[in-house]
């Protein structure tokens, strides 16, 4: 199984007056434009994705919709396990319940950085944060396990945008 972790694109600054519920905070126009270019790059390095699980938070969902539109990935499926307050273990359990060879996970920090560290080195490892709009791909021959995955690539948004412009 392969997992592709994608951090949501650049979102609006936190503002409790505009978004009393932070889960409603959207991507910025610049964030959308930059991630559309990055999504072209992601489509080149990961052309075949079987399932896209996305946090229900607006900014992550918008990012997943861009991946569908631009990279040709499947439409997002809501995944509450990817909400920022959850643990890597809950995400791993969800992935192992899915029947897909390549799963993309669209979510937030600090969860994605904690998940990346857990996939590489096990529970309690120091977080390995992703930049907004960045992505990392892990592989394993069996189920997703703590400390049992290998990094295939780790690409910041700037590199993805460059790949998208070639």
N, C-alpha and C. Protein backbone atom coordinates (compact mmCIF):
# COMPACT_ATOMS: atom_id res chain seq x y z
N UNK A 1 0.84 -1.17 0.00
CA UNK A 1 0.00 0.00 0.00
C UNK A 1 0.89 1.23 0.00
N UNK A 2 0.46 2.24 -0.72
CA UNK A 2 1.13 3.54 -0.72
C UNK A 2 0.21 4.57 -0.09
N UNK A 3 0.80 5.47 0.68
CA UNK A 3 0.08 6.62 1.23
C UNK A 3 0.74 7.88 0.74
N UNK A 4 -0.07 8.83 0.27
CA UNK A 4 0.43 10.14 -0.13
C UNK A 4 -0.20 11.14 0.82
N UNK A 5 0.62 11.78 1.64
CA UNK A 5 0.14 12.80 2.56
C UNK A 5 0.25 14.15 1.87
N UNK A 6 -0.83 14.91 1.86
CA UNK A 6 -0.85 16.23 1.24
C UNK A 6 -1.36 17.23 2.28
N UNK A 7 -0.54 18.22 2.58
CA UNK A 7 -1.01 19.28 3.48
C UNK A 7 -1.83 20.27 2.68
N UNK A 8 -2.90 20.76 3.28
CA UNK A 8 -3.75 21.73 2.58
C UNK A 8 -2.94 22.93 2.11
N UNK A 9 -3.44 23.59 1.09
CA UNK A 9 -2.78 24.77 0.52
C UNK A 9 -2.91 25.96 1.48
N UNK A 10 -2.36 27.08 1.08
CA UNK A 10 -2.35 28.29 1.91
C UNK A 10 -3.78 28.76 2.17
N UNK A 11 -4.10 28.89 3.45
CA UNK A 11 -5.45 29.29 3.87
C UNK A 11 -5.41 30.70 4.45
N UNK A 12 -6.59 31.26 4.60
CA UNK A 12 -6.73 32.57 5.23
C UNK A 12 -6.21 32.51 6.66
N UNK A 13 -5.75 33.64 7.15
CA UNK A 13 -5.29 33.71 8.54
C UNK A 13 -6.46 33.46 9.48
N UNK A 14 -6.15 32.87 10.63
CA UNK A 14 -7.19 32.66 11.65
C UNK A 14 -7.80 34.01 12.00
N UNK A 15 -9.12 34.05 12.05
CA UNK A 15 -9.84 35.26 12.43
C UNK A 15 -11.18 34.84 13.02
N UNK A 16 -11.26 34.80 14.35
CA UNK A 16 -12.49 34.33 15.00
C UNK A 16 -13.72 35.16 14.65
N UNK A 17 -13.52 36.40 14.24
CA UNK A 17 -14.69 37.21 13.85
C UNK A 17 -15.23 36.76 12.50
N UNK A 18 -14.35 36.47 11.55
CA UNK A 18 -14.80 36.02 10.22
C UNK A 18 -15.20 34.56 10.22
N UNK A 19 -14.43 33.75 10.96
CA UNK A 19 -14.68 32.31 11.01
C UNK A 19 -14.68 31.86 12.47
N UNK A 20 -15.80 32.06 13.17
CA UNK A 20 -15.86 31.61 14.57
C UNK A 20 -15.56 30.11 14.69
N UNK A 21 -15.93 29.37 13.67
CA UNK A 21 -15.60 27.94 13.59
C UNK A 21 -14.42 27.83 12.63
N UNK A 22 -13.23 27.55 13.18
CA UNK A 22 -12.01 27.52 12.36
C UNK A 22 -12.08 26.49 11.24
N UNK A 23 -12.95 25.50 11.37
CA UNK A 23 -13.05 24.49 10.31
C UNK A 23 -13.61 25.09 9.01
N UNK A 24 -14.18 26.28 9.08
CA UNK A 24 -14.76 26.94 7.90
C UNK A 24 -13.76 27.85 7.18
N UNK A 25 -12.56 28.00 7.72
CA UNK A 25 -11.58 28.90 7.13
C UNK A 25 -11.15 28.38 5.75
N UNK A 26 -11.27 29.20 4.70
CA UNK A 26 -11.00 28.74 3.33
C UNK A 26 -9.56 28.98 2.88
N UNK A 27 -9.25 28.45 1.71
CA UNK A 27 -8.00 28.77 1.04
C UNK A 27 -8.05 30.20 0.55
N UNK A 28 -6.88 30.82 0.41
CA UNK A 28 -6.81 32.16 -0.18
C UNK A 28 -6.79 32.03 -1.71
N UNK A 29 -7.03 33.12 -2.41
CA UNK A 29 -6.94 33.10 -3.88
C UNK A 29 -5.53 32.71 -4.32
N UNK A 30 -4.52 33.27 -3.63
CA UNK A 30 -3.14 32.94 -3.95
C UNK A 30 -2.86 31.47 -3.64
N UNK A 31 -3.40 30.98 -2.53
CA UNK A 31 -3.23 29.58 -2.16
C UNK A 31 -3.83 28.65 -3.22
N UNK A 32 -4.99 29.02 -3.72
CA UNK A 32 -5.64 28.23 -4.78
C UNK A 32 -4.77 28.22 -6.03
N UNK A 33 -4.34 29.41 -6.45
CA UNK A 33 -3.54 29.51 -7.68
C UNK A 33 -2.23 28.71 -7.57
N UNK A 34 -1.55 28.86 -6.44
CA UNK A 34 -0.28 28.13 -6.27
C UNK A 34 -0.52 26.63 -6.21
N UNK A 35 -1.58 26.22 -5.52
CA UNK A 35 -1.80 24.78 -5.40
C UNK A 35 -2.30 24.17 -6.71
N UNK A 36 -3.00 24.93 -7.52
CA UNK A 36 -3.39 24.39 -8.83
C UNK A 36 -2.15 24.02 -9.63
N UNK A 37 -1.11 24.85 -9.56
CA UNK A 37 0.15 24.54 -10.25
C UNK A 37 0.83 23.34 -9.61
N UNK A 38 0.82 23.29 -8.27
CA UNK A 38 1.41 22.15 -7.56
C UNK A 38 0.66 20.86 -7.88
N UNK A 39 -0.66 20.95 -8.04
CA UNK A 39 -1.46 19.77 -8.35
C UNK A 39 -1.11 19.20 -9.72
N UNK A 40 -0.71 20.05 -10.65
CA UNK A 40 -0.23 19.55 -11.94
C UNK A 40 1.01 18.70 -11.70
N UNK A 41 1.93 19.20 -10.88
CA UNK A 41 3.13 18.44 -10.54
C UNK A 41 2.81 17.15 -9.81
N UNK A 42 1.87 17.19 -8.87
CA UNK A 42 1.47 15.98 -8.16
C UNK A 42 0.88 14.96 -9.12
N UNK A 43 0.11 15.43 -10.09
CA UNK A 43 -0.46 14.53 -11.08
C UNK A 43 0.61 13.83 -11.91
N UNK A 44 1.76 14.49 -12.08
CA UNK A 44 2.86 13.88 -12.83
C UNK A 44 3.60 12.83 -12.02
N UNK A 45 3.81 13.09 -10.73
CA UNK A 45 4.57 12.13 -9.92
C UNK A 45 3.69 11.05 -9.30
N UNK A 46 2.37 11.28 -9.30
CA UNK A 46 1.42 10.31 -8.75
C UNK A 46 0.17 10.31 -9.62
N UNK A 47 0.32 9.76 -10.79
CA UNK A 47 -0.79 9.78 -11.75
C UNK A 47 -1.93 8.87 -11.33
N UNK A 48 -1.62 7.81 -10.60
CA UNK A 48 -2.63 6.82 -10.25
C UNK A 48 -2.88 6.81 -8.74
N UNK A 49 -4.03 7.32 -8.34
CA UNK A 49 -4.45 7.31 -6.94
C UNK A 49 -5.82 6.64 -6.91
N UNK A 50 -6.01 5.71 -5.98
CA UNK A 50 -7.26 4.97 -5.92
C UNK A 50 -8.31 5.62 -5.03
N UNK A 51 -7.88 6.34 -3.99
CA UNK A 51 -8.79 6.89 -3.00
C UNK A 51 -8.19 8.14 -2.42
N UNK A 52 -9.02 9.19 -2.28
CA UNK A 52 -8.59 10.43 -1.62
C UNK A 52 -9.45 10.61 -0.38
N UNK A 53 -8.80 10.54 0.79
CA UNK A 53 -9.46 10.81 2.06
C UNK A 53 -9.09 12.22 2.47
N UNK A 54 -10.08 13.03 2.82
CA UNK A 54 -9.81 14.43 3.16
C UNK A 54 -10.50 14.81 4.46
N UNK A 55 -9.81 15.63 5.22
CA UNK A 55 -10.40 16.23 6.40
C UNK A 55 -11.65 17.00 5.95
N UNK A 56 -12.69 17.02 6.78
CA UNK A 56 -13.88 17.79 6.40
C UNK A 56 -13.69 19.30 6.55
N UNK A 57 -12.57 19.75 7.11
CA UNK A 57 -12.32 21.18 7.23
C UNK A 57 -12.26 21.79 5.82
N UNK A 58 -12.84 22.95 5.67
CA UNK A 58 -13.01 23.56 4.35
C UNK A 58 -11.70 23.66 3.56
N UNK A 59 -10.64 24.10 4.20
CA UNK A 59 -9.37 24.30 3.48
C UNK A 59 -8.79 22.99 2.95
N UNK A 60 -8.93 21.92 3.70
CA UNK A 60 -8.45 20.62 3.23
C UNK A 60 -9.35 20.09 2.13
N UNK A 61 -10.65 20.27 2.30
CA UNK A 61 -11.60 19.79 1.29
C UNK A 61 -11.39 20.51 -0.04
N UNK A 62 -11.17 21.84 0.03
CA UNK A 62 -10.90 22.60 -1.20
C UNK A 62 -9.63 22.09 -1.88
N UNK A 63 -8.62 21.79 -1.09
CA UNK A 63 -7.36 21.26 -1.63
C UNK A 63 -7.61 19.93 -2.35
N UNK A 64 -8.40 19.07 -1.72
CA UNK A 64 -8.72 17.77 -2.34
C UNK A 64 -9.52 17.95 -3.63
N UNK A 65 -10.41 18.93 -3.65
CA UNK A 65 -11.18 19.20 -4.87
C UNK A 65 -10.27 19.68 -6.00
N UNK A 66 -9.25 20.46 -5.68
CA UNK A 66 -8.29 20.89 -6.69
C UNK A 66 -7.55 19.68 -7.25
N UNK A 67 -7.18 18.74 -6.39
CA UNK A 67 -6.51 17.52 -6.86
C UNK A 67 -7.40 16.73 -7.80
N UNK A 68 -8.69 16.70 -7.52
CA UNK A 68 -9.62 16.01 -8.41
C UNK A 68 -9.67 16.71 -9.77
N UNK A 69 -9.83 18.04 -9.73
CA UNK A 69 -10.00 18.81 -10.97
C UNK A 69 -8.71 18.87 -11.80
N UNK A 70 -7.59 19.09 -11.15
CA UNK A 70 -6.34 19.36 -11.87
C UNK A 70 -5.50 18.10 -12.09
N UNK A 71 -5.37 17.27 -11.05
CA UNK A 71 -4.51 16.08 -11.15
C UNK A 71 -5.27 14.86 -11.65
N UNK A 72 -6.60 14.94 -11.68
CA UNK A 72 -7.39 13.81 -12.14
C UNK A 72 -7.54 12.72 -11.09
N UNK A 73 -7.27 13.05 -9.82
CA UNK A 73 -7.44 12.09 -8.74
C UNK A 73 -8.93 11.91 -8.46
N UNK A 74 -9.31 10.84 -7.77
CA UNK A 74 -10.72 10.64 -7.43
C UNK A 74 -11.23 11.77 -6.53
N UNK A 75 -12.55 11.96 -6.55
CA UNK A 75 -13.17 12.94 -5.67
C UNK A 75 -12.93 12.57 -4.22
N UNK A 76 -12.87 13.57 -3.34
CA UNK A 76 -12.56 13.29 -1.94
C UNK A 76 -13.69 12.58 -1.20
N UNK A 77 -13.28 11.78 -0.23
CA UNK A 77 -14.18 11.10 0.70
C UNK A 77 -13.89 11.69 2.08
N UNK A 78 -14.94 12.09 2.79
CA UNK A 78 -14.74 12.70 4.10
C UNK A 78 -14.08 11.72 5.06
N UNK A 79 -13.09 12.22 5.79
CA UNK A 79 -12.34 11.41 6.73
C UNK A 79 -12.14 12.21 8.02
N UNK A 80 -13.02 12.01 8.98
CA UNK A 80 -12.92 12.75 10.24
C UNK A 80 -11.63 12.43 10.99
N UNK A 81 -11.04 11.28 10.71
CA UNK A 81 -9.78 10.91 11.35
C UNK A 81 -8.66 11.89 11.00
N UNK A 82 -8.82 12.66 9.90
CA UNK A 82 -7.80 13.62 9.48
C UNK A 82 -8.00 15.01 10.07
N UNK A 83 -8.97 15.18 10.94
CA UNK A 83 -9.12 16.47 11.63
C UNK A 83 -7.89 16.68 12.50
N UNK A 84 -7.45 17.93 12.65
CA UNK A 84 -6.16 18.21 13.30
C UNK A 84 -5.98 17.65 14.70
N UNK A 85 -7.03 17.49 15.46
CA UNK A 85 -6.89 17.05 16.85
C UNK A 85 -6.72 15.54 17.01
N UNK A 86 -6.81 14.78 15.93
CA UNK A 86 -6.73 13.33 16.02
C UNK A 86 -5.29 12.84 16.07
N UNK A 87 -5.15 11.54 16.27
CA UNK A 87 -3.81 10.95 16.42
C UNK A 87 -3.43 10.17 15.16
N UNK A 88 -2.12 10.00 14.94
CA UNK A 88 -1.69 9.16 13.82
C UNK A 88 -2.30 7.75 13.87
N UNK A 89 -2.45 7.19 15.05
CA UNK A 89 -2.99 5.83 15.17
C UNK A 89 -4.39 5.74 14.57
N UNK A 90 -5.23 6.77 14.76
CA UNK A 90 -6.58 6.71 14.20
C UNK A 90 -6.56 6.77 12.68
N UNK A 91 -5.61 7.52 12.13
CA UNK A 91 -5.48 7.60 10.67
C UNK A 91 -4.98 6.26 10.12
N UNK A 92 -4.00 5.66 10.78
CA UNK A 92 -3.47 4.36 10.35
C UNK A 92 -4.58 3.31 10.37
N UNK A 93 -5.38 3.30 11.43
CA UNK A 93 -6.49 2.34 11.51
C UNK A 93 -7.46 2.54 10.35
N UNK A 94 -7.77 3.79 10.02
CA UNK A 94 -8.69 4.06 8.90
C UNK A 94 -8.10 3.57 7.59
N UNK A 95 -6.84 3.84 7.35
CA UNK A 95 -6.20 3.41 6.10
C UNK A 95 -6.24 1.90 5.95
N UNK A 96 -6.03 1.20 7.03
CA UNK A 96 -6.03 -0.27 6.97
C UNK A 96 -7.42 -0.85 6.78
N UNK A 97 -8.46 -0.06 6.98
CA UNK A 97 -9.83 -0.52 6.71
C UNK A 97 -10.22 -0.32 5.24
N UNK A 98 -9.45 0.48 4.54
CA UNK A 98 -9.75 0.78 3.14
C UNK A 98 -9.14 -0.30 2.24
N UNK A 99 -9.77 -0.52 1.11
CA UNK A 99 -9.27 -1.49 0.14
C UNK A 99 -8.79 -0.73 -1.09
N UNK A 100 -7.59 -0.17 -0.97
CA UNK A 100 -7.02 0.62 -2.05
C UNK A 100 -5.50 0.46 -2.02
N UNK A 101 -4.89 0.47 -3.18
CA UNK A 101 -3.44 0.33 -3.26
C UNK A 101 -2.72 1.65 -3.01
N UNK A 102 -3.34 2.76 -3.46
CA UNK A 102 -2.74 4.08 -3.27
C UNK A 102 -3.81 5.00 -2.69
N UNK A 103 -3.54 5.48 -1.47
CA UNK A 103 -4.47 6.37 -0.78
C UNK A 103 -3.80 7.72 -0.56
N UNK A 104 -4.48 8.78 -0.95
CA UNK A 104 -4.01 10.14 -0.65
C UNK A 104 -4.77 10.63 0.57
N UNK A 105 -4.05 11.26 1.49
CA UNK A 105 -4.62 11.81 2.71
C UNK A 105 -4.41 13.32 2.69
N UNK A 106 -5.48 14.10 2.68
CA UNK A 106 -5.37 15.56 2.63
C UNK A 106 -5.78 16.11 3.99
N UNK A 107 -4.84 16.76 4.66
CA UNK A 107 -5.13 17.21 6.00
C UNK A 107 -4.28 18.37 6.46
N UNK A 108 -3.96 18.36 7.76
CA UNK A 108 -3.42 19.51 8.47
C UNK A 108 -2.19 19.15 9.29
N UNK A 109 -1.46 20.19 9.66
CA UNK A 109 -0.44 20.09 10.70
C UNK A 109 -1.13 20.42 12.02
N UNK A 110 -0.70 19.85 13.11
CA UNK A 110 0.48 19.01 13.25
C UNK A 110 0.26 17.52 12.96
N UNK A 111 -0.98 17.13 12.68
CA UNK A 111 -1.28 15.70 12.50
C UNK A 111 -0.46 15.06 11.40
N UNK A 112 -0.35 15.70 10.23
CA UNK A 112 0.37 15.05 9.13
C UNK A 112 1.85 14.87 9.45
N UNK A 113 2.47 15.85 10.10
CA UNK A 113 3.87 15.72 10.49
C UNK A 113 4.08 14.62 11.52
N UNK A 114 3.12 14.50 12.45
CA UNK A 114 3.18 13.41 13.43
C UNK A 114 2.98 12.07 12.75
N UNK A 115 2.06 12.03 11.79
CA UNK A 115 1.82 10.79 11.05
C UNK A 115 3.05 10.39 10.24
N UNK A 116 3.67 11.35 9.58
CA UNK A 116 4.88 11.04 8.79
C UNK A 116 5.95 10.43 9.68
N UNK A 117 6.18 11.03 10.84
CA UNK A 117 7.19 10.51 11.77
C UNK A 117 6.82 9.11 12.26
N UNK A 118 5.55 8.90 12.56
CA UNK A 118 5.09 7.61 13.05
C UNK A 118 5.25 6.54 11.98
N UNK A 119 4.93 6.86 10.74
CA UNK A 119 5.06 5.89 9.65
C UNK A 119 6.52 5.50 9.44
N UNK A 120 7.43 6.45 9.63
CA UNK A 120 8.85 6.19 9.42
C UNK A 120 9.52 5.49 10.60
N UNK A 121 9.24 5.98 11.81
CA UNK A 121 10.04 5.54 12.95
C UNK A 121 9.24 5.07 14.15
N UNK A 122 7.94 5.08 14.07
CA UNK A 122 7.12 4.59 15.18
C UNK A 122 6.57 5.71 16.04
N UNK A 123 5.67 5.32 16.92
CA UNK A 123 4.99 6.26 17.81
C UNK A 123 5.99 7.00 18.69
N UNK A 124 5.76 8.28 18.90
CA UNK A 124 6.62 9.08 19.77
C UNK A 124 7.81 9.70 19.08
N UNK A 125 7.98 9.46 17.79
CA UNK A 125 9.09 10.06 17.05
C UNK A 125 8.81 11.54 16.83
N UNK A 126 9.87 12.36 16.72
CA UNK A 126 9.66 13.79 16.49
C UNK A 126 8.91 14.03 15.17
N UNK A 127 7.97 14.95 15.20
CA UNK A 127 7.17 15.27 14.02
C UNK A 127 8.05 15.71 12.85
N UNK A 128 7.60 15.41 11.65
CA UNK A 128 8.26 15.80 10.41
C UNK A 128 7.26 16.62 9.60
N UNK A 129 7.15 17.92 9.91
CA UNK A 129 6.09 18.74 9.31
C UNK A 129 6.20 18.88 7.79
N UNK A 130 5.03 19.00 7.16
CA UNK A 130 4.93 19.27 5.73
C UNK A 130 4.61 20.75 5.54
N UNK A 131 5.15 21.33 4.49
CA UNK A 131 4.79 22.71 4.15
C UNK A 131 3.40 22.73 3.55
N UNK A 132 2.72 23.88 3.65
CA UNK A 132 1.40 24.01 3.05
C UNK A 132 1.48 23.76 1.55
N UNK A 133 0.68 22.81 1.08
CA UNK A 133 0.69 22.44 -0.33
C UNK A 133 1.77 21.44 -0.69
N UNK A 134 2.52 20.95 0.29
CA UNK A 134 3.55 19.95 0.05
C UNK A 134 3.00 18.54 0.18
N UNK A 135 3.80 17.56 -0.22
CA UNK A 135 3.33 16.16 -0.19
C UNK A 135 4.50 15.21 0.02
N UNK A 136 4.17 14.04 0.57
CA UNK A 136 5.15 12.97 0.77
C UNK A 136 4.47 11.64 0.46
N UNK A 137 5.23 10.73 -0.14
CA UNK A 137 4.69 9.41 -0.48
C UNK A 137 5.45 8.32 0.26
N UNK A 138 4.70 7.45 0.93
CA UNK A 138 5.23 6.31 1.67
C UNK A 138 4.75 5.02 1.01
N UNK A 139 5.56 3.97 1.14
CA UNK A 139 5.19 2.66 0.60
C UNK A 139 5.43 1.57 1.63
N UNK A 140 4.65 0.50 1.50
CA UNK A 140 4.84 -0.71 2.28
C UNK A 140 4.27 -1.87 1.48
N UNK A 141 4.73 -3.06 1.75
CA UNK A 141 4.21 -4.23 1.03
C UNK A 141 2.95 -4.78 1.66
N UNK A 142 2.73 -4.48 2.92
CA UNK A 142 1.55 -5.01 3.61
C UNK A 142 0.67 -3.89 4.11
N UNK A 143 0.18 -4.06 5.33
CA UNK A 143 -0.64 -3.04 5.96
C UNK A 143 0.22 -1.87 6.40
N UNK A 144 -0.45 -0.75 6.61
CA UNK A 144 0.22 0.43 7.15
C UNK A 144 0.53 0.15 8.61
N UNK A 145 1.80 0.35 8.99
CA UNK A 145 2.20 0.12 10.38
C UNK A 145 3.10 1.25 10.86
N UNK A 146 3.16 1.41 12.16
CA UNK A 146 4.07 2.38 12.76
C UNK A 146 5.50 1.91 12.54
N UNK A 147 6.29 2.78 11.95
CA UNK A 147 7.69 2.46 11.70
C UNK A 147 7.93 1.48 10.58
N UNK A 148 6.89 1.13 9.83
CA UNK A 148 7.04 0.10 8.81
C UNK A 148 6.95 0.57 7.38
N UNK A 149 7.09 1.88 7.16
CA UNK A 149 6.94 2.39 5.80
C UNK A 149 8.23 3.06 5.32
N UNK A 150 8.37 3.12 4.02
CA UNK A 150 9.53 3.71 3.37
C UNK A 150 9.10 4.95 2.60
N UNK A 151 9.92 6.00 2.65
CA UNK A 151 9.64 7.22 1.88
C UNK A 151 10.05 6.98 0.44
N UNK A 152 9.13 7.25 -0.48
CA UNK A 152 9.45 7.18 -1.93
C UNK A 152 9.86 8.55 -2.43
N UNK A 153 9.16 9.60 -1.97
CA UNK A 153 9.55 10.98 -2.26
C UNK A 153 8.91 11.93 -1.25
N UNK A 154 9.53 13.07 -1.08
CA UNK A 154 9.05 14.12 -0.17
C UNK A 154 9.26 15.43 -0.91
N UNK A 155 8.17 16.07 -1.34
CA UNK A 155 8.28 17.22 -2.22
C UNK A 155 7.61 18.46 -1.63
N UNK A 156 8.39 19.54 -1.45
CA UNK A 156 7.79 20.79 -0.99
C UNK A 156 6.98 21.43 -2.12
N UNK A 157 6.11 22.38 -1.80
CA UNK A 157 5.24 22.97 -2.82
C UNK A 157 6.01 23.64 -3.95
N UNK A 158 7.13 24.25 -3.65
CA UNK A 158 7.91 24.93 -4.69
C UNK A 158 8.35 23.93 -5.77
N UNK A 159 8.78 22.76 -5.35
CA UNK A 159 9.22 21.72 -6.31
C UNK A 159 8.01 21.20 -7.09
N UNK A 160 6.89 20.99 -6.41
CA UNK A 160 5.69 20.52 -7.11
C UNK A 160 5.24 21.55 -8.16
N UNK A 161 5.31 22.83 -7.81
CA UNK A 161 4.93 23.86 -8.80
C UNK A 161 5.88 23.86 -9.99
N UNK A 162 7.18 23.67 -9.72
CA UNK A 162 8.15 23.61 -10.82
C UNK A 162 7.88 22.41 -11.71
N UNK A 163 7.57 21.26 -11.11
CA UNK A 163 7.21 20.07 -11.90
C UNK A 163 5.95 20.34 -12.72
N UNK A 164 5.03 21.12 -12.16
CA UNK A 164 3.79 21.45 -12.86
C UNK A 164 3.98 22.42 -14.00
N UNK A 165 5.09 23.16 -14.00
CA UNK A 165 5.30 24.14 -15.08
C UNK A 165 6.13 23.57 -16.22
N UNK A 166 6.68 22.37 -16.04
CA UNK A 166 7.50 21.75 -17.11
C UNK A 166 6.64 21.20 -18.21
